[in-house]
Amino acid sequence: LDNGIEKLNLLLIGVPITIVESHLNLLKDIGLKPLALDYKGNAICKL
């Protein structure tokens, strides 16, 4: 609730595009098929 109005509480995760691209390119160079990058805090929460 924000001033009596129900709102969504979001955790925004901003990852530098250079980090994203370097990891995806690395996985492709290995011969893997990258589906997504995950954030460690989110991984442990899911577990």
All heavy atoms as atom14 arrays in JSON, in Angstrom:
{
  "sequence": "LDNGIEKLNLLLIGVPITIVESHLNLLKDIGLKPLALDYKGNAICKL",
  "atom14_mask": [
    [1, 1, 1, 1, 1, 1, 1, 1, 0, 0, 0, 0, 0, 0],
    [1, 1, 1, 1, 1, 1, 1, 1, 0, 0, 0, 0, 0, 0],
    [1, 1, 1, 1, 1, 1, 1, 1, 0, 0, 0, 0, 0, 0],
    [1, 1, 1, 1, 0, 0, 0, 0, 0, 0, 0, 0, 0, 0],
    [1, 1, 1, 1, 1, 1, 1, 1, 0, 0, 0, 0, 0, 0],
    [1, 1, 1, 1, 1, 1, 1, 1, 1, 0, 0, 0, 0, 0],
    [1, 1, 1, 1, 1, 1, 1, 1, 1, 0, 0, 0, 0, 0],
    [1, 1, 1, 1, 1, 1, 1, 1, 0, 0, 0, 0, 0, 0],
    [1, 1, 1, 1, 1, 1, 1, 1, 0, 0, 0, 0, 0, 0],
    [1, 1, 1, 1, 1, 1, 1, 1, 0, 0, 0, 0, 0, 0],
    [1, 1, 1, 1, 1, 1, 1, 1, 0, 0, 0, 0, 0, 0],
    [1, 1, 1, 1, 1, 1, 1, 1, 0, 0, 0, 0, 0, 0],
    [1, 1, 1, 1, 1, 1, 1, 1, 0, 0, 0, 0, 0, 0],
    [1, 1, 1, 1, 0, 0, 0, 0, 0, 0, 0, 0, 0, 0],
    [1, 1, 1, 1, 1, 1, 1, 0, 0, 0, 0, 0, 0, 0],
    [1, 1, 1, 1, 1, 1, 1, 0, 0, 0, 0, 0, 0, 0],
    [1, 1, 1, 1, 1, 1, 1, 1, 0, 0, 0, 0, 0, 0],
    [1, 1, 1, 1, 1, 1, 1, 0, 0, 0, 0, 0, 0, 0],
    [1, 1, 1, 1, 1, 1, 1, 1, 0, 0, 0, 0, 0, 0],
    [1, 1, 1, 1, 1, 1, 1, 0, 0, 0, 0, 0, 0, 0],
    [1, 1, 1, 1, 1, 1, 1, 1, 1, 0, 0, 0, 0, 0],
    [1, 1, 1, 1, 1, 1, 0, 0, 0, 0, 0, 0, 0, 0],
    [1, 1, 1, 1, 1, 1, 1, 1, 1, 1, 0, 0, 0, 0],
    [1, 1, 1, 1, 1, 1, 1, 1, 0, 0, 0, 0, 0, 0],
    [1, 1, 1, 1, 1, 1, 1, 1, 0, 0, 0, 0, 0, 0],
    [1, 1, 1, 1, 1, 1, 1, 1, 0, 0, 0, 0, 0, 0],
    [1, 1, 1, 1, 1, 1, 1, 1, 0, 0, 0, 0, 0, 0],
    [1, 1, 1, 1, 1, 1, 1, 1, 1, 0, 0, 0, 0, 0],
    [1, 1, 1, 1, 1, 1, 1, 1, 0, 0, 0, 0, 0, 0],
    [1, 1, 1, 1, 1, 1, 1, 1, 0, 0, 0, 0, 0, 0],
    [1, 1, 1, 1, 0, 0, 0, 0, 0, 0, 0, 0, 0, 0],
    [1, 1, 1, 1, 1, 1, 1, 1, 0, 0, 0, 0, 0, 0],
    [1, 1, 1, 1, 1, 1, 1, 1, 1, 0, 0, 0, 0, 0],
    [1, 1, 1, 1, 1, 1, 1, 0, 0, 0, 0, 0, 0, 0],
    [1, 1, 1, 1, 1, 1, 1, 1, 0, 0, 0, 0, 0, 0],
    [1, 1, 1, 1, 1, 0, 0, 0, 0, 0, 0, 0, 0, 0],
    [1, 1, 1, 1, 1, 1, 1, 1, 0, 0, 0, 0, 0, 0],
    [1, 1, 1, 1, 1, 1, 1, 1, 0, 0, 0, 0, 0, 0],
    [1, 1, 1, 1, 1, 1, 1, 1, 1, 1, 1, 1, 0, 0],
    [1, 1, 1, 1, 1, 1, 1, 1, 1, 0, 0, 0, 0, 0],
    [1, 1, 1, 1, 0, 0, 0, 0, 0, 0, 0, 0, 0, 0],
    [1, 1, 1, 1, 1, 1, 1, 1, 0, 0, 0, 0, 0, 0],
    [1, 1, 1, 1, 1, 0, 0, 0, 0, 0, 0, 0, 0, 0],
    [1, 1, 1, 1, 1, 1, 1, 1, 0, 0, 0, 0, 0, 0],
    [1, 1, 1, 1, 1, 1, 0, 0, 0, 0, 0, 0, 0, 0],
    [1, 1, 1, 1, 1, 1, 1, 1, 1, 0, 0, 0, 0, 0],
    [1, 1, 1, 1, 1, 1, 1, 1, 0, 0, 0, 0, 0, 0]
  ],
  "atom14_positions": [
    [[0.83, -1.2, 0.0], [0.0, 0.0, 0.0], [0.86, 1.24, 0.0], [1.82, 1.36, 0.78], [-0.92, 0.01, 1.22], [-2.09, -0.99, 1.22], [-2.86, -0.88, 2.52], [-3.01, -0.75, 0.02], [0.0, 0.0, 0.0], [0.0, 0.0, 0.0], [0.0, 0.0, 0.0], [0.0, 0.0, 0.0], [0.0, 0.0, 0.0], [0.0, 0.0, 0.0]],
    [[0.54, 2.17, -0.89], [1.26, 3.44, -0.99], [0.22, 4.56, -0.98], [-0.5, 4.75, -1.97], [2.09, 3.47, -2.28], [2.88, 4.76, -2.42], [3.34, 5.29, -1.4], [3.03, 5.23, -3.58], [0.0, 0.0, 0.0], [0.0, 0.0, 0.0], [0.0, 0.0, 0.0], [0.0, 0.0, 0.0], [0.0, 0.0, 0.0], [0.0, 0.0, 0.0]],
    [[0.13, 5.26, 0.17], [-0.91, 6.28, 0.33], [-2.3, 5.74, 0.06], [-3.13, 6.37, -0.59], [-0.63, 7.48, -0.59], [0.64, 8.22, -0.19], [0.95, 8.34, 1.0], [1.38, 8.7, -1.18], [0.0, 0.0, 0.0], [0.0, 0.0, 0.0], [0.0, 0.0, 0.0], [0.0, 0.0, 0.0], [0.0, 0.0, 0.0], [0.0, 0.0, 0.0]],
    [[-2.53, 4.52, 0.56], [-3.84, 3.89, 0.44], [-4.09, 3.21, -0.89], [-5.16, 2.63, -1.1], [0.0, 0.0, 0.0], [0.0, 0.0, 0.0], [0.0, 0.0, 0.0], [0.0, 0.0, 0.0], [0.0, 0.0, 0.0], [0.0, 0.0, 0.0], [0.0, 0.0, 0.0], [0.0, 0.0, 0.0], [0.0, 0.0, 0.0], [0.0, 0.0, 0.0]],
    [[-3.12, 3.26, -1.8], [-3.28, 2.63, -3.13], [-2.38, 1.4, -3.2], [-1.19, 1.46, -2.9], [-2.9, 3.62, -4.25], [-3.79, 4.86, -4.19], [-3.02, 2.94, -5.62], [-3.38, 5.95, -5.16], [0.0, 0.0, 0.0], [0.0, 0.0, 0.0], [0.0, 0.0, 0.0], [0.0, 0.0, 0.0], [0.0, 0.0, 0.0], [0.0, 0.0, 0.0]],
    [[-2.97, 0.27, -3.6], [-2.19, -0.96, -3.72], [-1.32, -0.91, -4.96], [-1.8, -0.64, -6.07], [-3.11, -2.18, -3.78], [-2.35, -3.51, -3.7], [-3.26, -4.71, -3.68], [-4.38, -4.62, -4.24], [-2.87, -5.73, -3.11], [0.0, 0.0, 0.0], [0.0, 0.0, 0.0], [0.0, 0.0, 0.0], [0.0, 0.0, 0.0], [0.0, 0.0, 0.0]],
    [[-0.03, -1.13, -4.77], [0.9, -1.1, -5.9], [1.75, -2.37, -5.91], [1.87, -3.07, -4.92], [1.82, 0.13, -5.8], [1.09, 1.45, -6.01], [2.07, 2.61, -6.06], [1.35, 3.93, -6.36], [2.29, 5.07, -6.45], [0.0, 0.0, 0.0], [0.0, 0.0, 0.0], [0.0, 0.0, 0.0], [0.0, 0.0, 0.0], [0.0, 0.0, 0.0]],
    [[2.34, -2.63, -7.08], [3.26, -3.74, -7.21], [4.63, -3.34, -6.66], [5.12, -2.25, -6.95], [3.43, -4.14, -8.68], [2.3, -4.92, -9.35], [2.61, -5.09, -10.83], [2.13, -6.29, -8.7], [0.0, 0.0, 0.0], [0.0, 0.0, 0.0], [0.0, 0.0, 0.0], [0.0, 0.0, 0.0], [0.0, 0.0, 0.0], [0.0, 0.0, 0.0]],
    [[5.2, -4.21, -5.88], [6.56, -4.0, -5.39], [7.48, -4.86, -6.24], [7.4, -6.08, -6.22], [6.65, -4.39, -3.92], [7.96, -3.95, -3.29], [8.69, -3.15, -3.87], [8.26, -4.46, -2.12], [0.0, 0.0, 0.0], [0.0, 0.0, 0.0], [0.0, 0.0, 0.0], [0.0, 0.0, 0.0], [0.0, 0.0, 0.0], [0.0, 0.0, 0.0]],
    [[8.35, -4.21, -7.01], [9.23, -4.93, -7.93], [10.68, -4.75, -7.53], [11.09, -3.68, -7.05], [9.07, -4.42, -9.37], [7.68, -4.44, -10.0], [7.76, -3.93, -11.43], [7.09, -5.84, -9.98], [0.0, 0.0, 0.0], [0.0, 0.0, 0.0], [0.0, 0.0, 0.0], [0.0, 0.0, 0.0], [0.0, 0.0, 0.0], [0.0, 0.0, 0.0]],
    [[11.47, -5.79, -7.73], [12.92, -5.68, -7.63], [13.45, -5.58, -9.06], [13.37, -6.54, -9.84], [13.52, -6.9, -6.93], [15.05, -6.94, -6.85], [15.58, -5.81, -5.98], [15.55, -8.29, -6.34], [0.0, 0.0, 0.0], [0.0, 0.0, 0.0], [0.0, 0.0, 0.0], [0.0, 0.0, 0.0], [0.0, 0.0, 0.0], [0.0, 0.0, 0.0]],
    [[13.94, -4.41, -9.41], [14.54, -4.23, -10.74], [16.0, -4.67, -10.68], [16.74, -4.33, -9.76], [14.47, -2.77, -11.16], [13.08, -2.15, -11.32], [13.2, -0.72, -11.85], [12.2, -2.99, -12.24], [0.0, 0.0, 0.0], [0.0, 0.0, 0.0], [0.0, 0.0, 0.0], [0.0, 0.0, 0.0], [0.0, 0.0, 0.0], [0.0, 0.0, 0.0]],
    [[16.4, -5.44, -11.66], [17.78, -5.94, -11.75], [18.37, -5.45, -13.06], [17.95, -5.88, -14.14], [17.81, -7.48, -11.69], [17.09, -7.99, -10.44], [19.25, -7.98, -11.73], [16.91, -9.49, -10.41], [0.0, 0.0, 0.0], [0.0, 0.0, 0.0], [0.0, 0.0, 0.0], [0.0, 0.0, 0.0], [0.0, 0.0, 0.0], [0.0, 0.0, 0.0]],
    [[19.31, -4.54, -12.95], [19.95, -3.99, -14.14], [21.35, -4.56, -14.3], [22.24, -4.31, -13.49], [0.0, 0.0, 0.0], [0.0, 0.0, 0.0], [0.0, 0.0, 0.0], [0.0, 0.0, 0.0], [0.0, 0.0, 0.0], [0.0, 0.0, 0.0], [0.0, 0.0, 0.0], [0.0, 0.0, 0.0], [0.0, 0.0, 0.0], [0.0, 0.0, 0.0]],
    [[21.54, -5.34, -15.36], [22.83, -5.96, -15.61], [23.48, -5.27, -16.81], [22.84, -5.15, -17.88], [22.67, -7.48, -15.92], [24.03, -8.14, -16.05], [21.84, -8.16, -14.84], [0.0, 0.0, 0.0], [0.0, 0.0, 0.0], [0.0, 0.0, 0.0], [0.0, 0.0, 0.0], [0.0, 0.0, 0.0], [0.0, 0.0, 0.0], [0.0, 0.0, 0.0]],
    [[24.72, -4.81, -16.68], [25.39, -4.19, -17.83], [25.32, -5.09, -19.05], [25.57, -6.31, -18.94], [26.82, -4.01, -17.34], [26.7, -3.88, -15.86], [25.58, -4.82, -15.48], [0.0, 0.0, 0.0], [0.0, 0.0, 0.0], [0.0, 0.0, 0.0], [0.0, 0.0, 0.0], [0.0, 0.0, 0.0], [0.0, 0.0, 0.0], [0.0, 0.0, 0.0]],
    [[24.97, -4.53, -20.17], [24.79, -5.33, -21.38], [26.09, -6.04, -21.76], [26.07, -7.12, -22.35], [24.25, -4.46, -22.54], [23.7, -5.36, -23.64], [25.31, -3.49, -23.05], [22.86, -4.62, -24.66], [0.0, 0.0, 0.0], [0.0, 0.0, 0.0], [0.0, 0.0, 0.0], [0.0, 0.0, 0.0], [0.0, 0.0, 0.0], [0.0, 0.0, 0.0]],
    [[27.23, -5.44, -21.41], [28.51, -6.09, -21.71], [28.65, -7.41, -20.95], [29.2, -8.38, -21.47], [29.68, -5.16, -21.35], [29.53, -4.71, -19.99], [29.73, -3.96, -22.26], [0.0, 0.0, 0.0], [0.0, 0.0, 0.0], [0.0, 0.0, 0.0], [0.0, 0.0, 0.0], [0.0, 0.0, 0.0], [0.0, 0.0, 0.0], [0.0, 0.0, 0.0]],
    [[28.15, -7.45, -19.7], [28.2, -8.69, -18.92], [27.27, -9.73, -19.51], [27.61, -10.91, -19.64], [27.85, -8.41, -17.44], [28.97, -7.63, -16.75], [27.57, -9.71, -16.68], [28.74, -7.31, -15.29], [0.0, 0.0, 0.0], [0.0, 0.0, 0.0], [0.0, 0.0, 0.0], [0.0, 0.0, 0.0], [0.0, 0.0, 0.0], [0.0, 0.0, 0.0]],
    [[26.06, -9.3, -19.89], [25.09, -10.23, -20.49], [25.65, -10.83, -21.77], [25.68, -12.05, -21.96], [23.76, -9.51, -20.78], [22.82, -10.43, -21.55], [23.1, -9.06, -19.48], [0.0, 0.0, 0.0], [0.0, 0.0, 0.0], [0.0, 0.0, 0.0], [0.0, 0.0, 0.0], [0.0, 0.0, 0.0], [0.0, 0.0, 0.0], [0.0, 0.0, 0.0]],
    [[26.11, -9.97, -22.67], [26.59, -10.44, -23.97], [27.82, -11.32, -23.84], [27.95, -12.33, -24.54], [26.88, -9.25, -24.88], [25.62, -8.51, -25.31], [25.91, -7.29, -26.18], [27.09, -6.85, -26.2], [24.98, -6.8, -26.84], [0.0, 0.0, 0.0], [0.0, 0.0, 0.0], [0.0, 0.0, 0.0], [0.0, 0.0, 0.0], [0.0, 0.0, 0.0]],
    [[28.72, -10.97, -22.92], [29.95, -11.76, -22.79], [29.65, -13.17, -22.29], [30.27, -14.15, -22.74], [30.94, -11.06, -21.85], [30.43, -10.95, -20.53], [0.0, 0.0, 0.0], [0.0, 0.0, 0.0], [0.0, 0.0, 0.0], [0.0, 0.0, 0.0], [0.0, 0.0, 0.0], [0.0, 0.0, 0.0], [0.0, 0.0, 0.0], [0.0, 0.0, 0.0]],
    [[28.69, -13.3, -21.36], [28.34, -14.64, -20.86], [27.6, -15.46, -21.92], [27.88, -16.65, -22.09], [27.49, -14.53, -19.59], [28.28, -14.2, -18.37], [28.67, -12.91, -18.06], [28.78, -14.99, -17.37], [29.36, -12.92, -16.93], [29.44, -14.15, -16.49], [0.0, 0.0, 0.0], [0.0, 0.0, 0.0], [0.0, 0.0, 0.0], [0.0, 0.0, 0.0]],
    [[26.66, -14.82, -22.62], [25.93, -15.55, -23.66], [26.87, -15.98, -24.79], [26.78, -17.11, -25.28], [24.79, -14.68, -24.2], [23.67, -14.34, -23.21], [22.62, -13.45, -23.87], [23.01, -15.61, -22.66], [0.0, 0.0, 0.0], [0.0, 0.0, 0.0], [0.0, 0.0, 0.0], [0.0, 0.0, 0.0], [0.0, 0.0, 0.0], [0.0, 0.0, 0.0]],
    [[27.77, -15.1, -25.19], [28.73, -15.44, -26.24], [29.67, -16.56, -25.8], [30.02, -17.45, -26.58], [29.53, -14.21, -26.66], [28.69, -13.2, -27.42], [27.68, -13.55, -28.03], [29.09, -11.94, -27.38], [0.0, 0.0, 0.0], [0.0, 0.0, 0.0], [0.0, 0.0, 0.0], [0.0, 0.0, 0.0], [0.0, 0.0, 0.0], [0.0, 0.0, 0.0]],
    [[30.07, -16.5, -24.52], [30.94, -17.55, -23.99], [30.26, -18.92, -24.08], [30.87, -19.9, -24.55], [31.28, -17.24, -22.53], [32.05, -18.33, -21.77], [33.5, -18.35, -22.19], [31.93, -18.14, -20.26], [0.0, 0.0, 0.0], [0.0, 0.0, 0.0], [0.0, 0.0, 0.0], [0.0, 0.0, 0.0], [0.0, 0.0, 0.0], [0.0, 0.0, 0.0]],
    [[29.0, -18.98, -23.65], [28.28, -20.25, -23.68], [28.12, -20.77, -25.11], [28.27, -21.96, -25.37], [26.91, -20.09, -23.01], [26.93, -19.71, -21.52], [25.51, -19.57, -20.99], [27.7, -20.73, -20.7], [0.0, 0.0, 0.0], [0.0, 0.0, 0.0], [0.0, 0.0, 0.0], [0.0, 0.0, 0.0], [0.0, 0.0, 0.0], [0.0, 0.0, 0.0]],
    [[27.86, -19.86, -26.03], [27.73, -20.26, -27.44], [29.06, -20.76, -27.99], [29.1, -21.75, -28.74], [27.22, -19.08, -28.27], [25.78, -18.71, -27.99], [25.38, -17.45, -28.75], [23.96, -17.02, -28.4], [23.6, -15.74, -29.08], [0.0, 0.0, 0.0], [0.0, 0.0, 0.0], [0.0, 0.0, 0.0], [0.0, 0.0, 0.0], [0.0, 0.0, 0.0]],
    [[30.15, -20.1, -27.61], [31.48, -20.52, -28.07], [31.83, -21.92, -27.57], [32.54, -22.68, -28.24], [32.55, -19.53, -27.58], [32.47, -18.18, -28.29], [31.82, -18.11, -29.35], [33.04, -17.21, -27.77], [0.0, 0.0, 0.0], [0.0, 0.0, 0.0], [0.0, 0.0, 0.0], [0.0, 0.0, 0.0], [0.0, 0.0, 0.0], [0.0, 0.0, 0.0]],
    [[31.33, -22.26, -26.39], [31.57, -23.59, -25.82], [30.77, -24.65, -26.58], [31.15, -25.82, -26.63], [31.2, -23.6, -24.33], [32.18, -22.71, -23.55], [31.21, -25.01, -23.75], [31.75, -22.42, -22.13], [0.0, 0.0, 0.0], [0.0, 0.0, 0.0], [0.0, 0.0, 0.0], [0.0, 0.0, 0.0], [0.0, 0.0, 0.0], [0.0, 0.0, 0.0]],
    [[29.67, -24.22, -27.2], [28.78, -25.16, -27.88], [27.5, -25.41, -27.13], [26.69, -26.27, -27.51], [0.0, 0.0, 0.0], [0.0, 0.0, 0.0], [0.0, 0.0, 0.0], [0.0, 0.0, 0.0], [0.0, 0.0, 0.0], [0.0, 0.0, 0.0], [0.0, 0.0, 0.0], [0.0, 0.0, 0.0], [0.0, 0.0, 0.0], [0.0, 0.0, 0.0]],
    [[27.29, -24.65, -26.05], [26.07, -24.76, -25.27], [24.96, -23.92, -25.88], [25.22, -23.05, -26.72], [26.33, -24.31, -23.83], [27.31, -25.17, -23.02], [27.79, -24.42, -21.79], [26.67, -26.5, -22.63], [0.0, 0.0, 0.0], [0.0, 0.0, 0.0], [0.0, 0.0, 0.0], [0.0, 0.0, 0.0], [0.0, 0.0, 0.0], [0.0, 0.0, 0.0]],
    [[23.73, -24.16, -25.44], [22.58, -23.4, -25.93], [22.01, -22.57, -24.78], [21.19, -23.05, -24.0], [21.51, -24.36, -26.48], [22.01, -25.22, -27.63], [20.99, -26.29, -28.0], [21.57, -27.22, -29.07], [20.63, -28.34, -29.36], [0.0, 0.0, 0.0], [0.0, 0.0, 0.0], [0.0, 0.0, 0.0], [0.0, 0.0, 0.0], [0.0, 0.0, 0.0]],
    [[22.48, -21.32, -24.64], [22.03, -20.51, -23.5], [20.56, -20.13, -23.61], [20.1, -19.63, -24.64], [22.93, -19.27, -23.59], [23.36, -19.2, -25.02], [23.43, -20.61, -25.51], [0.0, 0.0, 0.0], [0.0, 0.0, 0.0], [0.0, 0.0, 0.0], [0.0, 0.0, 0.0], [0.0, 0.0, 0.0], [0.0, 0.0, 0.0], [0.0, 0.0, 0.0]],
    [[19.82, -20.36, -22.53], [18.4, -20.01, -22.48], [18.18, -18.71, -21.72], [17.3, -17.93, -22.07], [17.6, -21.13, -21.83], [17.61, -22.49, -22.54], [16.72, -23.48, -21.79], [17.15, -22.36, -23.98], [0.0, 0.0, 0.0], [0.0, 0.0, 0.0], [0.0, 0.0, 0.0], [0.0, 0.0, 0.0], [0.0, 0.0, 0.0], [0.0, 0.0, 0.0]],
    [[18.95, -18.49, -20.65], [18.75, -17.28, -19.85], [19.89, -17.12, -18.86], [20.6, -18.08, -18.53], [17.42, -17.35, -19.1], [0.0, 0.0, 0.0], [0.0, 0.0, 0.0], [0.0, 0.0, 0.0], [0.0, 0.0, 0.0], [0.0, 0.0, 0.0], [0.0, 0.0, 0.0], [0.0, 0.0, 0.0], [0.0, 0.0, 0.0], [0.0, 0.0, 0.0]],
    [[20.06, -15.88, -18.38], [20.93, -15.61, -17.25], [20.04, -15.43, -16.02], [18.99, -14.83, -16.1], [21.74, -14.32, -17.47], [22.74, -14.29, -18.61], [23.5, -12.97, -18.59], [23.7, -15.45, -18.55], [0.0, 0.0, 0.0], [0.0, 0.0, 0.0], [0.0, 0.0, 0.0], [0.0, 0.0, 0.0], [0.0, 0.0, 0.0], [0.0, 0.0, 0.0]],
    [[20.5, -15.94, -14.9], [19.76, -15.8, -13.65], [20.64, -15.06, -12.65], [21.87, -15.05, -12.76], [19.37, -17.17, -13.1], [18.1, -17.13, -12.26], [17.7, -16.02, -11.84], [17.51, -18.2, -12.03], [0.0, 0.0, 0.0], [0.0, 0.0, 0.0], [0.0, 0.0, 0.0], [0.0, 0.0, 0.0], [0.0, 0.0, 0.0], [0.0, 0.0, 0.0]],
    [[19.99, -14.42, -11.68], [20.68, -13.7, -10.63], [20.74, -14.59, -9.39], [19.78, -15.28, -9.07], [19.92, -12.4, -10.35], [20.39, -11.64, -9.15], [21.68, -11.13, -9.09], [19.55, -11.43, -8.06], [22.11, -10.44, -7.99], [19.97, -10.74, -6.95], [21.26, -10.24, -6.92], [21.69, -9.55, -5.82], [0.0, 0.0, 0.0], [0.0, 0.0, 0.0]],
    [[21.87, -14.59, -8.69], [22.06, -15.55, -7.61], [21.0, -15.44, -6.51], [20.54, -16.46, -5.98], [23.46, -15.4, -7.01], [24.55, -15.83, -7.98], [25.89, -16.01, -7.3], [26.93, -16.46, -8.32], [28.2, -16.89, -7.69], [0.0, 0.0, 0.0], [0.0, 0.0, 0.0], [0.0, 0.0, 0.0], [0.0, 0.0, 0.0], [0.0, 0.0, 0.0]],
    [[20.61, -14.23, -6.17], [19.58, -14.07, -5.16], [18.27, -14.72, -5.57], [17.56, -15.32, -4.75], [0.0, 0.0, 0.0], [0.0, 0.0, 0.0], [0.0, 0.0, 0.0], [0.0, 0.0, 0.0], [0.0, 0.0, 0.0], [0.0, 0.0, 0.0], [0.0, 0.0, 0.0], [0.0, 0.0, 0.0], [0.0, 0.0, 0.0], [0.0, 0.0, 0.0]],
    [[17.94, -14.62, -6.85], [16.72, -15.24, -7.35], [16.83, -16.76, -7.37], [15.88, -17.48, -7.05], [16.41, -14.73, -8.76], [15.05, -15.16, -9.26], [14.06, -15.06, -8.55], [14.99, -15.64, -10.49], [0.0, 0.0, 0.0], [0.0, 0.0, 0.0], [0.0, 0.0, 0.0], [0.0, 0.0, 0.0], [0.0, 0.0, 0.0], [0.0, 0.0, 0.0]],
    [[18.02, -17.27, -7.71], [18.22, -18.72, -7.75], [18.03, -19.33, -6.37], [17.38, -20.37, -6.22], [19.63, -19.03, -8.28], [0.0, 0.0, 0.0], [0.0, 0.0, 0.0], [0.0, 0.0, 0.0], [0.0, 0.0, 0.0], [0.0, 0.0, 0.0], [0.0, 0.0, 0.0], [0.0, 0.0, 0.0], [0.0, 0.0, 0.0], [0.0, 0.0, 0.0]],
    [[18.57, -18.69, -5.32], [18.45, -19.25, -3.98], [17.02, -19.11, -3.46], [16.52, -19.97, -2.73], [19.46, -18.58, -3.02], [19.76, -19.51, -1.84], [18.99, -17.25, -2.51], [20.59, -20.72, -2.2], [0.0, 0.0, 0.0], [0.0, 0.0, 0.0], [0.0, 0.0, 0.0], [0.0, 0.0, 0.0], [0.0, 0.0, 0.0], [0.0, 0.0, 0.0]],
    [[16.32, -18.07, -3.88], [14.92, -17.9, -3.49], [14.06, -19.01, -4.09], [13.18, -19.57, -3.42], [14.42, -16.53, -3.93], [12.71, -16.18, -3.45], [0.0, 0.0, 0.0], [0.0, 0.0, 0.0], [0.0, 0.0, 0.0], [0.0, 0.0, 0.0], [0.0, 0.0, 0.0], [0.0, 0.0, 0.0], [0.0, 0.0, 0.0], [0.0, 0.0, 0.0]],
    [[14.31, -19.35, -5.34], [13.56, -20.43, -5.98], [13.83, -21.77, -5.31], [12.92, -22.6, -5.16], [13.9, -20.49, -7.47], [13.37, -19.33, -8.28], [13.66, -19.48, -9.77], [15.12, -19.44, -10.07], [15.42, -19.57, -11.51], [0.0, 0.0, 0.0], [0.0, 0.0, 0.0], [0.0, 0.0, 0.0], [0.0, 0.0, 0.0], [0.0, 0.0, 0.0]],
    [[15.07, -21.96, -4.9], [15.42, -23.22, -4.24], [14.68, -23.36, -2.92], [14.16, -24.43, -2.6], [16.94, -23.28, -4.02], [17.5, -24.62, -3.55], [17.23, -25.72, -4.56], [18.99, -24.51, -3.28], [0.0, 0.0, 0.0], [0.0, 0.0, 0.0], [0.0, 0.0, 0.0], [0.0, 0.0, 0.0], [0.0, 0.0, 0.0], [0.0, 0.0, 0.0]]
  ]
}
